[in-house]
Amino acid sequence: MRNKKWKYGLASSMVALTTLAAGTASYAATTASQQPPLVMVPGQGGQFQENFSPFSGGALQGTLGLVYQPLFYFNPSGTATPLLGSSFSWSNHSTVLTVNLRKNVKFSNGTAMTSADVVYSFDLLKKYPALDGSGIWKVINNVKAVGPNTVQFDFITANTSYEYYILDTVYIVPQSIWQSVSNPTTALNFSPVGTGPFVLKSFSPEMYQFVANPTYWGGEPKLQTVDFPAYNGNTSTQLALMNNKIDWTGLFIPHINKVYVSRNPKNNHYWFSDFGGANMLYTNLQDPLLKNLAVRQAISLGMNRQVISKLGEYGYEPAATPSGYSLPPAGQSWINPKLPKAFTYNPQKAISILEKAGFTRNAQGIFQTKSGQPLSFSLDVVSGWTDWDADCAIIAKELGQIGIQVNVQQLAFGAYYSALSTGKFQLGMSWSGSGPTPFYMYQSLFMPNGPGNWDHWNNAYTTRELNAYEHSSSPAKQRQAVYALESAMVYSLPYIPLVYGVGWNEYSTQNWVGWPNAQNPYAQGSPWVAPSNGIILSHLRPAK
């Protein structure tokens, strides 16, 4: 459950929507009682905090994808799957994006979705900038309806890169409900009304449940009921999976073929697809020691990524390359061929760099500054994410051997996410964003004050190259900008790539079939990824 679109369990507001759409919780078809529910565990964070706001980073899983939908879905191959939109086109020198909407779409309360709802959803981001995490209103100056089924986005300058953010990442809400909400930034939305294939039936801190939406534009799903039970960590979730209590989860499981697949080869399956981005060591550049490039270089040289991959990740996640981005063969043209293709593990060089930078060892063998401040850092990781916990233990041991002390702090997810996203950490292991090209990962990491810039990187050179990519529609010029951003990643080490993240994804075909896999990758398979989670569930059909 490590993806830019999954931000679980951080509800901080006490404000809630009280509008209840008639019939929202009573859609279960008569056949539902004859059909086993699909049990889905996208993440392990203990008891749930009620929050179904599509604008909240703490929204519960299923809010996005099952209930609320964007206009399109871009799967990892870059293919755009129509959802609420049916087609889109650029005009006026790539400064106008026109989207044709799917006709006859209804919200789950029975009201029609029109272009007015789409315009309203984007206008909310303008009115409440805190909701505009991708900075859409920094690049557009107007959104308007052109009839009931067409929406036009007017850009300040040409910026085709924002096609992805506009079409894939903004979830459409009914104006008739949200216009009465006093503050969407704090609303918890206990009664969600969307256009997706499912509706909320019930909630408790231990489990919440969705049922099929009979008015769904794609046809009522054959799957009638989806249960989301609460689990605390990998161990308890794996035990439940082994005992056939879970149909779909995204879990790190050592020796998965032996401990999971072999128990029921006919029905137990997994597909770990490539996300593109890397799991990285985040270095808080507000810390004076970590701001020193020599320290970051030593940390990078002092970690054996092959060991982390083999022992911490059991070989599922390969060692990252210096650019931090993995692409299928068809996308390799985005990788700068002049850059190093692999990290070097060189403890002696790491020690030499620290010595040349003026650091000396204290009595405990830890390098320190001239004033006696030791290179001693806390490393935050999520308790219960057993692979990452193992990775961080390896990192602490290896860096200790070169004179950098690392104290691993295993935190509950809420505390971990809060610490990293607010800059109250020193070192942290975390995921990175991704998108149709490497640009989207770099934009997330390098954009000043951006939502993924947890290291507080602010550099005129990388900002200029981000802008160069955004304001060009030329693939050649965009590629040159990406090359420059890769160089900054390699030589400045604002973030330190460790291993390439994969989409953990285990599923059972005992009751349900139609899952995506390597042979039919119609959606990203991890259960925490939206909107592909809703697309997958709406594709499933009974096994018998």
Protein backbone atom coordinates (compact mmCIF):
# COMPACT_ATOMS: atom_id res chain seq x y z
CA MET A 1 0.00 0.00 0.00
CA ARG A 2 2.68 2.41 -1.02
CA ASN A 3 1.43 4.73 -3.71
CA LYS A 4 0.97 8.46 -4.15
CA LYS A 5 -2.80 7.97 -4.43
CA TRP A 6 -3.09 6.05 -1.12
CA LYS A 7 -3.08 8.25 1.98
CA TYR A 8 -4.86 6.28 4.63
CA GLY A 9 -6.47 7.13 7.94
CA LEU A 10 -5.53 10.77 8.62
CA ALA A 11 -8.94 12.30 9.31
CA SER A 12 -8.26 15.43 11.32
CA SER A 13 -11.54 17.30 11.06
CA MET A 14 -14.68 17.03 13.14
CA VAL A 15 -16.91 18.48 10.43
CA ALA A 16 -19.18 16.10 8.54
CA LEU A 17 -21.62 16.15 5.71
CA THR A 18 -25.06 15.32 7.01
CA THR A 19 -26.92 15.25 3.71
CA LEU A 20 -28.12 11.72 3.10
CA ALA A 21 -29.16 10.87 -0.43
CA ALA A 22 -32.37 8.87 -0.41
CA GLY A 23 -31.69 5.19 -0.63
CA THR A 24 -27.86 5.42 -0.64
CA ALA A 25 -27.49 2.67 1.96
CA SER A 26 -30.16 0.31 0.69
CA TYR A 27 -29.04 -0.80 -2.76
CA ALA A 28 -28.23 -4.42 -2.03
CA ALA A 29 -29.94 -6.58 -4.61
CA THR A 30 -31.99 -9.55 -3.54
CA THR A 31 -29.29 -11.86 -4.85
CA ALA A 32 -26.69 -10.36 -2.49
CA SER A 33 -27.73 -12.71 0.33
CA GLN A 34 -27.01 -15.67 -1.94
CA GLN A 35 -23.61 -14.34 -2.89
CA PRO A 36 -20.55 -14.22 -0.63
CA PRO A 37 -19.11 -10.74 -0.16
CA LEU A 38 -15.73 -9.97 -1.63
CA VAL A 39 -13.42 -9.25 1.30
CA MET A 40 -10.90 -6.55 0.41
CA VAL A 41 -7.95 -5.34 2.53
CA PRO A 42 -6.07 -2.54 0.74
CA GLY A 43 -4.06 -1.51 3.79
CA GLN A 44 -3.33 -2.41 7.38
CA GLY A 45 -3.74 0.46 9.84
CA GLY A 46 -5.98 -0.75 12.64
CA GLN A 47 -9.43 0.62 13.33
CA PHE A 48 -11.02 2.97 10.82
CA GLN A 49 -11.81 6.65 11.25
CA GLU A 50 -14.98 7.51 9.34
CA ASN A 51 -14.13 9.69 6.36
CA PHE A 52 -15.48 9.35 2.82
CA SER A 53 -14.52 12.76 1.45
CA PRO A 54 -13.02 12.59 -2.06
CA PHE A 55 -11.07 15.74 -1.20
CA SER A 56 -9.36 14.32 1.89
CA GLY A 57 -5.98 12.64 2.06
CA GLY A 58 -7.44 10.60 4.92
CA ALA A 59 -10.42 9.23 2.99
CA LEU A 60 -11.06 5.53 3.56
CA GLN A 61 -10.20 3.11 0.79
CA GLY A 62 -12.98 2.73 -1.74
CA THR A 63 -14.04 6.36 -1.51
CA LEU A 64 -12.03 6.98 -4.66
CA GLY A 65 -12.71 4.48 -7.43
CA LEU A 66 -15.69 2.65 -5.94
CA VAL A 67 -17.84 5.72 -5.16
CA TYR A 68 -16.22 8.72 -6.86
CA GLN A 69 -14.65 8.74 -10.31
CA PRO A 70 -12.50 11.05 -12.44
CA LEU A 71 -13.00 11.69 -16.15
CA PHE A 72 -10.47 9.09 -17.36
CA TYR A 73 -8.10 6.49 -16.00
CA PHE A 74 -4.49 6.35 -17.25
CA ASN A 75 -3.14 2.87 -16.63
CA PRO A 76 0.64 2.41 -16.24
CA SER A 77 1.05 1.95 -19.99
CA GLY A 78 -0.29 5.48 -20.49
CA THR A 79 -3.51 4.34 -22.17
CA ALA A 80 -6.51 6.49 -21.25
CA THR A 81 -9.64 4.52 -20.30
CA PRO A 82 -12.85 6.60 -20.56
CA LEU A 83 -14.83 6.89 -17.32
CA LEU A 84 -17.01 10.00 -16.93
CA GLY A 85 -15.40 11.41 -20.05
CA SER A 86 -15.80 9.84 -23.47
CA SER A 87 -13.10 11.72 -25.44
CA PHE A 88 -10.79 14.71 -25.22
CA SER A 89 -8.80 16.89 -27.59
CA TRP A 90 -6.36 19.82 -27.61
CA SER A 91 -6.68 22.96 -29.71
CA ASN A 92 -5.46 26.56 -30.01
CA HIS A 93 -1.75 25.61 -29.86
CA SER A 94 -2.29 23.25 -26.90
CA THR A 95 -3.87 25.90 -24.69
CA VAL A 96 -7.45 24.56 -24.79
CA LEU A 97 -8.40 21.08 -23.58
CA THR A 98 -11.94 20.02 -24.51
CA VAL A 99 -13.55 17.01 -22.83
CA ASN A 100 -16.70 15.33 -24.08
CA LEU A 101 -18.61 13.70 -21.24
CA ARG A 102 -20.27 10.32 -21.18
CA LYS A 103 -24.02 10.77 -21.62
CA ASN A 104 -26.72 9.51 -19.27
CA VAL A 105 -24.48 9.26 -16.20
CA LYS A 106 -26.29 9.45 -12.85
CA PHE A 107 -25.11 10.00 -9.32
CA SER A 108 -26.06 7.25 -6.90
CA ASN A 109 -28.98 9.32 -5.59
CA GLY A 110 -30.55 9.24 -9.06
CA THR A 111 -29.74 12.77 -10.22
CA ALA A 112 -28.06 13.30 -13.59
CA MET A 113 -24.40 14.25 -13.79
CA THR A 114 -23.80 17.13 -16.23
CA SER A 115 -21.00 19.45 -17.25
CA ALA A 116 -22.11 21.78 -14.44
CA ASP A 117 -21.01 19.18 -11.86
CA VAL A 118 -17.63 18.82 -13.56
CA VAL A 119 -17.08 22.58 -13.64
CA TYR A 120 -18.17 22.84 -10.00
CA SER A 121 -15.73 20.11 -8.93
CA PHE A 122 -12.82 21.99 -10.50
CA ASP A 123 -14.02 25.36 -9.22
CA LEU A 124 -13.88 23.94 -5.69
CA LEU A 125 -10.12 23.49 -6.15
CA LYS A 126 -9.85 27.15 -7.07
CA LYS A 127 -11.98 28.33 -4.15
CA TYR A 128 -10.10 26.10 -1.70
CA PRO A 129 -6.44 25.97 -2.85
CA ALA A 130 -5.62 23.39 -0.16
CA LEU A 131 -7.57 20.88 -2.25
CA ASP A 132 -5.53 21.60 -5.38
CA GLY A 133 -2.58 19.34 -4.61
CA SER A 134 -1.45 19.15 -8.25
CA GLY A 135 -1.56 22.91 -8.78
CA ILE A 136 -4.13 22.76 -11.57
CA TRP A 137 -5.25 26.35 -11.04
CA LYS A 138 -1.69 27.54 -11.45
CA VAL A 139 -1.78 26.48 -15.10
CA ILE A 140 -5.42 27.08 -16.11
CA ASN A 141 -7.42 30.29 -15.91
CA ASN A 142 -10.91 29.02 -16.64
CA VAL A 143 -13.14 25.95 -16.75
CA LYS A 144 -16.48 26.27 -18.47
CA ALA A 145 -19.40 24.17 -19.65
CA VAL A 146 -20.05 24.09 -23.37
CA GLY A 147 -23.47 22.55 -23.31
CA PRO A 148 -24.60 19.77 -20.91
CA ASN A 149 -22.01 17.22 -22.07
CA THR A 150 -18.84 19.19 -22.87
CA VAL A 151 -16.30 20.95 -20.66
CA GLN A 152 -13.50 23.26 -21.79
CA PHE A 153 -10.29 23.97 -19.87
CA ASP A 154 -8.45 27.16 -20.85
CA PHE A 155 -4.72 27.14 -20.06
CA ILE A 156 -2.57 30.17 -19.34
CA THR A 157 0.11 28.79 -21.67
CA ALA A 158 0.57 25.48 -23.48
CA ASN A 159 0.87 22.73 -20.88
CA THR A 160 -0.09 19.30 -22.15
CA SER A 161 1.53 17.60 -19.14
CA TYR A 162 -1.47 18.62 -17.04
CA GLU A 163 -3.76 16.51 -19.20
CA TYR A 164 -3.02 13.65 -16.78
CA TYR A 165 -3.81 15.64 -13.63
CA ILE A 166 -7.05 17.06 -14.99
CA LEU A 167 -8.38 13.87 -16.51
CA ASP A 168 -7.19 11.27 -14.00
CA THR A 169 -6.80 12.85 -10.56
CA VAL A 170 -9.85 15.08 -9.97
CA TYR A 171 -12.94 13.23 -8.74
CA ILE A 172 -16.34 14.60 -9.71
CA VAL A 173 -18.92 15.42 -7.03
CA PRO A 174 -22.59 16.47 -7.27
CA GLN A 175 -22.95 20.24 -7.03
CA SER A 176 -26.44 19.86 -5.53
CA ILE A 177 -24.92 18.30 -2.39
CA TRP A 178 -21.53 19.93 -2.02
CA GLN A 179 -22.69 23.49 -2.56
CA SER A 180 -24.27 23.33 0.90
CA VAL A 181 -21.03 22.17 2.58
CA SER A 182 -19.51 25.05 4.51
CA ASN A 183 -15.90 23.88 4.22
CA PRO A 184 -14.95 20.98 1.89
CA THR A 185 -11.41 20.96 3.29
CA THR A 186 -12.69 19.61 6.60
CA ALA A 187 -15.87 17.73 5.67
CA LEU A 188 -15.77 14.01 6.42
CA ASN A 189 -18.73 13.15 4.17
CA PHE A 190 -20.39 10.33 6.06
CA SER A 191 -22.92 9.71 3.25
CA PRO A 192 -20.98 9.69 -0.03
CA VAL A 193 -22.86 10.16 -3.30
CA GLY A 194 -20.88 9.55 -6.48
CA THR A 195 -21.05 8.09 -9.98
CA GLY A 196 -19.08 4.92 -9.25
CA PRO A 197 -20.08 1.25 -9.36
CA PHE A 198 -20.67 0.97 -5.58
CA VAL A 199 -22.39 2.81 -2.74
CA LEU A 200 -21.70 2.81 0.99
CA LYS A 201 -24.02 0.54 3.00
CA SER A 202 -22.57 0.60 6.52
CA PHE A 203 -19.61 1.73 8.62
CA SER A 204 -18.01 0.73 11.90
CA PRO A 205 -14.43 1.16 13.15
CA GLU A 206 -13.93 -2.58 12.58
CA MET A 207 -15.50 -2.88 9.11
CA TYR A 208 -17.33 -0.94 6.45
CA GLN A 209 -19.27 -2.27 3.48
CA PHE A 210 -20.14 -1.20 -0.05
CA VAL A 211 -22.91 -2.64 -2.23
CA ALA A 212 -23.49 -2.54 -5.99
CA ASN A 213 -24.95 0.63 -7.48
CA PRO A 214 -27.94 -0.41 -9.64
CA THR A 215 -27.88 2.90 -11.54
CA TYR A 216 -24.19 2.66 -12.47
CA TRP A 217 -23.57 3.92 -16.01
CA GLY A 218 -21.53 0.82 -16.80
CA GLY A 219 -24.34 -1.48 -15.67
CA GLU A 220 -24.94 -2.82 -12.18
CA PRO A 221 -21.84 -4.82 -11.12
CA LYS A 222 -22.28 -8.57 -10.88
CA LEU A 223 -20.38 -8.37 -7.59
CA GLN A 224 -22.98 -7.24 -5.05
CA THR A 225 -21.11 -6.70 -1.77
CA VAL A 226 -17.58 -5.61 -0.83
CA ASP A 227 -16.40 -5.80 2.79
CA PHE A 228 -13.44 -3.82 4.16
CA PRO A 229 -12.37 -5.31 7.54
CA ALA A 230 -9.71 -3.66 9.71
CA TYR A 231 -6.31 -5.33 10.18
CA ASN A 232 -3.29 -4.06 12.09
CA GLY A 233 -0.35 -5.24 9.99
CA ASN A 234 1.17 -7.64 7.49
CA THR A 235 1.25 -10.60 9.90
CA SER A 236 -2.44 -10.62 10.84
CA THR A 237 -3.47 -9.91 7.25
CA GLN A 238 -1.32 -12.74 5.91
CA LEU A 239 -2.80 -15.17 8.41
CA ALA A 240 -6.32 -14.23 7.33
CA LEU A 241 -5.33 -14.59 3.67
CA MET A 242 -3.90 -18.05 4.32
CA ASN A 243 -7.20 -19.03 5.96
CA ASN A 244 -9.25 -17.89 2.95
CA LYS A 245 -10.79 -14.95 4.81
CA ILE A 246 -9.58 -12.36 2.28
CA ASP A 247 -10.23 -12.25 -1.46
CA TRP A 248 -8.06 -9.28 -2.43
CA THR A 249 -5.18 -7.58 -0.69
CA GLY A 250 -1.85 -5.93 -1.42
CA LEU A 251 0.69 -7.51 0.85
CA PHE A 252 4.38 -8.26 1.09
CA ILE A 253 4.60 -12.05 1.63
CA PRO A 254 8.00 -13.77 1.85
CA HIS A 255 8.20 -16.93 -0.28
CA ILE A 256 4.76 -16.23 -1.70
CA ASN A 257 4.65 -19.24 -4.01
CA LYS A 258 5.32 -21.58 -1.12
CA VAL A 259 3.18 -20.02 1.58
CA TYR A 260 0.24 -18.75 -0.52
CA VAL A 261 0.02 -20.06 -4.08
CA SER A 262 0.90 -23.67 -3.25
CA ARG A 263 -1.94 -23.90 -0.72
CA ASN A 264 -4.46 -23.61 -3.56
CA PRO A 265 -2.74 -23.30 -6.95
CA LYS A 266 -6.05 -23.20 -8.79
CA ASN A 267 -7.38 -20.13 -6.97
CA ASN A 268 -4.53 -18.34 -5.18
CA HIS A 269 -2.77 -15.84 -7.43
CA TYR A 270 -0.60 -12.74 -7.37
CA TRP A 271 0.55 -10.13 -9.85
CA PHE A 272 3.21 -7.64 -8.80
CA SER A 273 3.17 -4.99 -11.51
CA ASP A 274 5.78 -2.25 -11.84
CA PHE A 275 4.75 1.16 -10.54
CA GLY A 276 7.55 3.07 -12.27
CA GLY A 277 8.74 5.01 -9.24
CA ALA A 278 11.13 3.87 -6.54
CA ASN A 279 10.89 3.39 -2.81
CA MET A 280 13.34 5.97 -1.53
CA LEU A 281 15.23 7.17 1.48
CA TYR A 282 13.87 10.65 2.13
CA THR A 283 16.43 13.06 3.62
CA ASN A 284 14.95 16.13 5.28
CA LEU A 285 16.97 18.99 3.79
CA GLN A 286 15.88 21.28 6.59
CA ASP A 287 18.36 19.35 8.73
CA PRO A 288 21.78 21.10 8.40
CA LEU A 289 23.66 17.80 8.36
CA LEU A 290 21.47 16.17 5.72
CA LYS A 291 21.58 19.35 3.65
CA ASN A 292 25.30 18.65 3.23
CA LEU A 293 25.74 16.81 -0.09
CA ALA A 294 28.75 14.90 1.26
CA VAL A 295 26.56 13.30 3.92
CA ARG A 296 23.95 12.23 1.37
CA GLN A 297 26.67 10.87 -0.93
CA ALA A 298 28.13 8.84 1.92
CA ILE A 299 24.71 7.48 2.86
CA SER A 300 24.09 6.40 -0.73
CA LEU A 301 27.50 4.77 -1.13
CA GLY A 302 27.17 3.03 2.24
CA MET A 303 23.99 1.11 1.37
CA ASN A 304 24.08 -2.18 -0.52
CA ARG A 305 20.86 -2.10 -2.54
CA GLN A 306 21.33 -5.67 -3.73
CA VAL A 307 21.21 -6.83 -0.12
CA ILE A 308 18.14 -4.70 0.57
CA SER A 309 16.45 -6.16 -2.52
CA LYS A 310 17.41 -9.76 -1.78
CA LEU A 311 17.03 -9.91 2.00
CA GLY A 312 14.55 -7.15 2.80
CA GLU A 313 12.32 -7.56 -0.27
CA TYR A 314 12.98 -11.26 -1.03
CA GLY A 315 13.89 -10.29 -4.59
CA TYR A 316 10.41 -9.00 -5.47
CA GLU A 317 11.58 -5.40 -5.75
CA PRO A 318 14.83 -4.94 -7.73
CA ALA A 319 17.54 -2.51 -6.73
CA ALA A 320 16.84 0.98 -8.02
CA THR A 321 19.00 2.77 -10.54
CA PRO A 322 20.32 6.31 -9.93
CA SER A 323 17.57 8.01 -11.94
CA GLY A 324 14.98 6.49 -9.60
CA TYR A 325 12.56 5.58 -12.37
CA SER A 326 11.84 2.23 -13.97
CA LEU A 327 10.22 1.96 -17.38
CA PRO A 328 9.22 -0.92 -19.65
CA PRO A 329 11.41 -1.41 -22.75
CA ALA A 330 9.13 0.79 -24.87
CA GLY A 331 9.77 3.71 -22.53
CA GLN A 332 13.53 3.47 -22.23
CA SER A 333 14.01 6.54 -24.43
CA TRP A 334 13.14 8.60 -21.37
CA ILE A 335 16.26 7.38 -19.55
CA ASN A 336 19.38 9.47 -20.12
CA PRO A 337 21.96 7.03 -21.59
CA LYS A 338 24.86 9.16 -20.32
CA LEU A 339 24.00 8.64 -16.66
CA PRO A 340 25.26 5.77 -14.47
CA LYS A 341 23.09 2.71 -14.86
CA ALA A 342 23.61 1.34 -11.35
CA PHE A 343 24.50 2.51 -7.87
CA THR A 344 27.92 1.71 -6.47
CA TYR A 345 28.24 0.14 -3.04
CA ASN A 346 31.54 1.50 -1.75
CA PRO A 347 31.87 1.90 2.05
CA GLN A 348 35.50 3.01 1.83
CA LYS A 349 34.66 5.80 -0.60
CA ALA A 350 31.81 6.87 1.69
CA ILE A 351 34.24 7.15 4.59
CA SER A 352 36.72 9.06 2.43
CA ILE A 353 34.05 11.58 1.38
CA LEU A 354 33.12 12.27 4.99
CA GLU A 355 36.76 12.69 5.99
CA LYS A 356 37.41 15.10 3.12
CA ALA A 357 34.33 17.07 4.16
CA GLY A 358 35.89 17.64 7.59
CA PHE A 359 34.06 15.03 9.66
CA THR A 360 36.02 13.05 12.27
CA ARG A 361 35.12 9.97 14.31
CA ASN A 362 34.27 10.23 17.98
CA ALA A 363 35.08 7.65 20.66
CA GLN A 364 32.12 5.55 19.58
CA GLY A 365 33.30 5.51 15.94
CA ILE A 366 30.52 7.85 14.78
CA PHE A 367 31.50 10.69 12.48
CA GLN A 368 30.92 14.14 13.92
CA THR A 369 31.27 17.79 12.96
CA LYS A 370 34.06 20.02 14.18
CA SER A 371 31.70 21.21 16.92
CA GLY A 372 31.07 17.63 18.03
CA GLN A 373 27.62 17.04 16.51
CA PRO A 374 27.41 13.34 15.53
CA LEU A 375 26.02 12.03 12.28
CA SER A 376 23.15 10.38 14.12
CA PHE A 377 19.68 10.28 12.58
CA SER A 378 16.28 8.77 13.21
CA LEU A 379 14.77 6.76 10.35
CA ASP A 380 10.97 6.62 10.26
CA VAL A 381 9.12 3.60 8.84
CA VAL A 382 5.66 2.10 9.26
CA SER A 383 5.35 -0.51 11.98
CA GLY A 384 3.95 -3.73 10.53
CA TRP A 385 5.19 -3.15 6.98
CA THR A 386 7.56 -6.06 7.49
CA ASP A 387 9.57 -5.68 4.29
CA TRP A 388 10.25 -1.99 4.87
CA ASP A 389 11.01 -2.68 8.52
CA ALA A 390 13.61 -5.22 7.37
CA ASP A 391 14.99 -2.80 4.76
CA CYS A 392 15.49 -0.11 7.39
CA ALA A 393 17.20 -2.54 9.75
CA ILE A 394 19.67 -3.38 6.95
CA ILE A 395 20.23 0.32 6.23
CA ALA A 396 20.90 1.06 9.90
CA LYS A 397 23.43 -1.79 10.15
CA GLU A 398 25.28 -0.86 6.96
CA LEU A 399 25.45 2.87 7.69
CA GLY A 400 26.62 2.10 11.22
CA GLN A 401 29.59 0.32 9.70
CA ILE A 402 30.72 3.52 7.96
CA GLY A 403 30.25 5.74 11.02
CA ILE A 404 26.71 7.04 10.51
CA GLN A 405 24.36 6.13 13.34
CA VAL A 406 20.76 5.39 12.37
CA ASN A 407 17.98 4.76 14.87
CA VAL A 408 14.96 3.11 13.24
CA GLN A 409 11.59 4.36 14.50
CA GLN A 410 8.66 2.08 13.69
CA LEU A 411 5.54 4.25 13.80
CA ALA A 412 1.83 3.74 13.29
CA PHE A 413 0.93 4.80 9.78
CA GLY A 414 -0.87 7.98 10.83
CA ALA A 415 2.09 9.21 12.87
CA TYR A 416 4.52 8.20 10.12
CA TYR A 417 2.62 9.95 7.35
CA SER A 418 2.10 13.06 9.45
CA ALA A 419 5.82 13.26 10.27
CA LEU A 420 6.98 12.95 6.67
CA SER A 421 4.34 15.14 5.08
CA THR A 422 4.88 17.95 7.59
CA GLY A 423 8.68 17.79 7.55
CA LYS A 424 9.02 16.60 11.15
CA PHE A 425 11.53 13.84 10.45
CA GLN A 426 15.20 13.31 9.61
CA LEU A 427 15.25 10.18 7.46
CA GLY A 428 12.22 8.28 6.20
CA MET A 429 11.59 5.39 3.86
CA SER A 430 8.69 6.03 1.54
CA TRP A 431 7.25 5.65 -1.94
CA SER A 432 7.44 8.10 -4.82
CA GLY A 433 4.83 9.22 -7.30
CA SER A 434 4.61 8.01 -10.87
CA GLY A 435 2.75 8.72 -14.07
CA PRO A 436 2.77 8.17 -17.83
CA THR A 437 6.38 9.47 -18.05
CA PRO A 438 9.18 10.03 -15.48
CA PHE A 439 8.27 13.72 -15.38
CA TYR A 440 5.41 13.07 -12.99
CA MET A 441 7.66 11.49 -10.38
CA TYR A 442 10.16 14.34 -10.63
CA GLN A 443 7.45 16.96 -10.49
CA SER A 444 6.09 15.41 -7.32
CA LEU A 445 9.55 15.35 -5.73
CA PHE A 446 11.05 18.59 -7.05
CA MET A 447 8.19 21.08 -7.32
CA PRO A 448 8.67 23.71 -4.57
CA ASN A 449 5.97 23.22 -1.94
CA GLY A 450 4.62 20.31 -3.98
CA PRO A 451 2.58 17.56 -2.27
CA GLY A 452 5.37 14.98 -2.61
CA ASN A 453 8.31 17.29 -1.88
CA TRP A 454 8.77 16.04 1.66
CA ASP A 455 12.53 16.68 1.56
CA HIS A 456 11.91 20.43 1.00
CA TRP A 457 14.00 20.54 -2.17
CA ASN A 458 13.95 24.01 -3.77
CA ASN A 459 16.30 24.53 -6.69
CA ALA A 460 16.05 27.03 -9.55
CA TYR A 461 17.59 24.59 -12.06
CA THR A 462 15.10 21.76 -11.48
CA THR A 463 12.18 24.21 -11.31
CA ARG A 464 13.21 25.60 -14.69
CA GLU A 465 13.36 22.12 -16.22
CA LEU A 466 9.96 21.21 -14.78
CA ASN A 467 8.56 24.34 -16.43
CA ALA A 468 10.34 23.51 -19.70
CA TYR A 469 8.61 20.13 -19.83
CA GLU A 470 5.21 21.53 -18.90
CA HIS A 471 5.23 24.31 -21.47
CA SER A 472 6.32 22.21 -24.41
CA SER A 473 4.32 19.83 -26.55
CA SER A 474 7.47 18.61 -28.30
CA PRO A 475 8.45 15.08 -27.22
CA ALA A 476 12.10 15.87 -27.97
CA LYS A 477 12.11 18.96 -25.74
CA GLN A 478 10.23 17.15 -23.00
CA ARG A 479 12.77 14.33 -23.14
CA GLN A 480 15.64 16.81 -22.75
CA ALA A 481 13.94 18.29 -19.69
CA VAL A 482 13.55 14.82 -18.18
CA TYR A 483 17.22 14.12 -18.89
CA ALA A 484 18.12 17.26 -16.92
CA LEU A 485 15.89 16.25 -14.00
CA GLU A 486 17.47 12.80 -13.97
CA SER A 487 20.91 14.39 -13.78
CA ALA A 488 19.84 16.42 -10.76
CA MET A 489 18.55 13.25 -9.12
CA VAL A 490 21.79 11.40 -9.78
CA TYR A 491 24.33 14.04 -8.84
CA SER A 492 22.54 16.11 -6.18
CA LEU A 493 20.77 13.19 -4.43
CA PRO A 494 17.83 15.21 -3.11
CA TYR A 495 16.20 11.80 -2.64
CA ILE A 496 18.07 8.50 -2.47
CA PRO A 497 16.44 5.64 -4.46
CA LEU A 498 16.57 2.21 -2.82
CA VAL A 499 14.46 -0.39 -4.65
CA TYR A 500 11.78 -0.18 -7.31
CA GLY A 501 8.30 -0.38 -5.89
CA VAL A 502 5.92 -3.00 -7.19
CA GLY A 503 2.17 -3.16 -6.85
CA TRP A 504 1.57 -5.80 -4.20
CA ASN A 505 -1.52 -7.68 -5.28
CA GLU A 506 -2.84 -11.05 -4.12
CA TYR A 507 -6.25 -12.28 -5.17
CA SER A 508 -8.43 -15.38 -5.10
CA THR A 509 -10.48 -16.76 -7.98
CA GLN A 510 -12.42 -19.13 -5.75
CA ASN A 511 -15.51 -16.90 -5.80
CA TRP A 512 -14.68 -14.19 -8.35
CA VAL A 513 -12.96 -14.15 -11.74
CA GLY A 514 -12.02 -11.43 -14.22
CA TRP A 515 -8.97 -10.05 -12.42
CA PRO A 516 -6.25 -8.15 -14.34
CA ASN A 517 -2.92 -9.93 -14.71
CA ALA A 518 0.26 -9.81 -16.76
CA GLN A 519 -1.58 -11.25 -19.77
CA ASN A 520 -4.53 -8.85 -19.44
CA PRO A 521 -3.28 -5.69 -17.68
CA TYR A 522 -6.45 -3.66 -18.16
CA ALA A 523 -5.86 -1.94 -14.78
CA GLN A 524 -3.18 -1.64 -12.11
CA GLY A 525 -3.87 -4.56 -9.80
CA SER A 526 -3.09 -3.21 -6.34
CA PRO A 527 -6.27 -2.76 -4.29
CA TRP A 528 -5.31 0.66 -2.95
CA VAL A 529 -4.90 2.27 -6.39
CA ALA A 530 -7.83 4.40 -7.59
CA PRO A 531 -9.71 4.52 -9.86
CA SER A 532 -8.46 1.13 -11.05
CA ASN A 533 -9.88 -0.53 -7.90
CA GLY A 534 -13.42 0.36 -8.97
CA ILE A 535 -12.73 -0.66 -12.57
CA ILE A 536 -11.53 -4.08 -11.41
CA LEU A 537 -14.45 -4.72 -9.07
CA SER A 538 -16.93 -3.76 -11.78
CA HIS A 539 -15.24 -6.29 -14.11
CA LEU A 540 -15.50 -9.24 -11.73
CA ARG A 541 -18.08 -11.96 -12.14
CA PRO A 542 -18.98 -15.04 -10.08
CA ALA A 543 -16.66 -18.00 -10.57
CA LYS A 544 -19.62 -20.37 -10.74
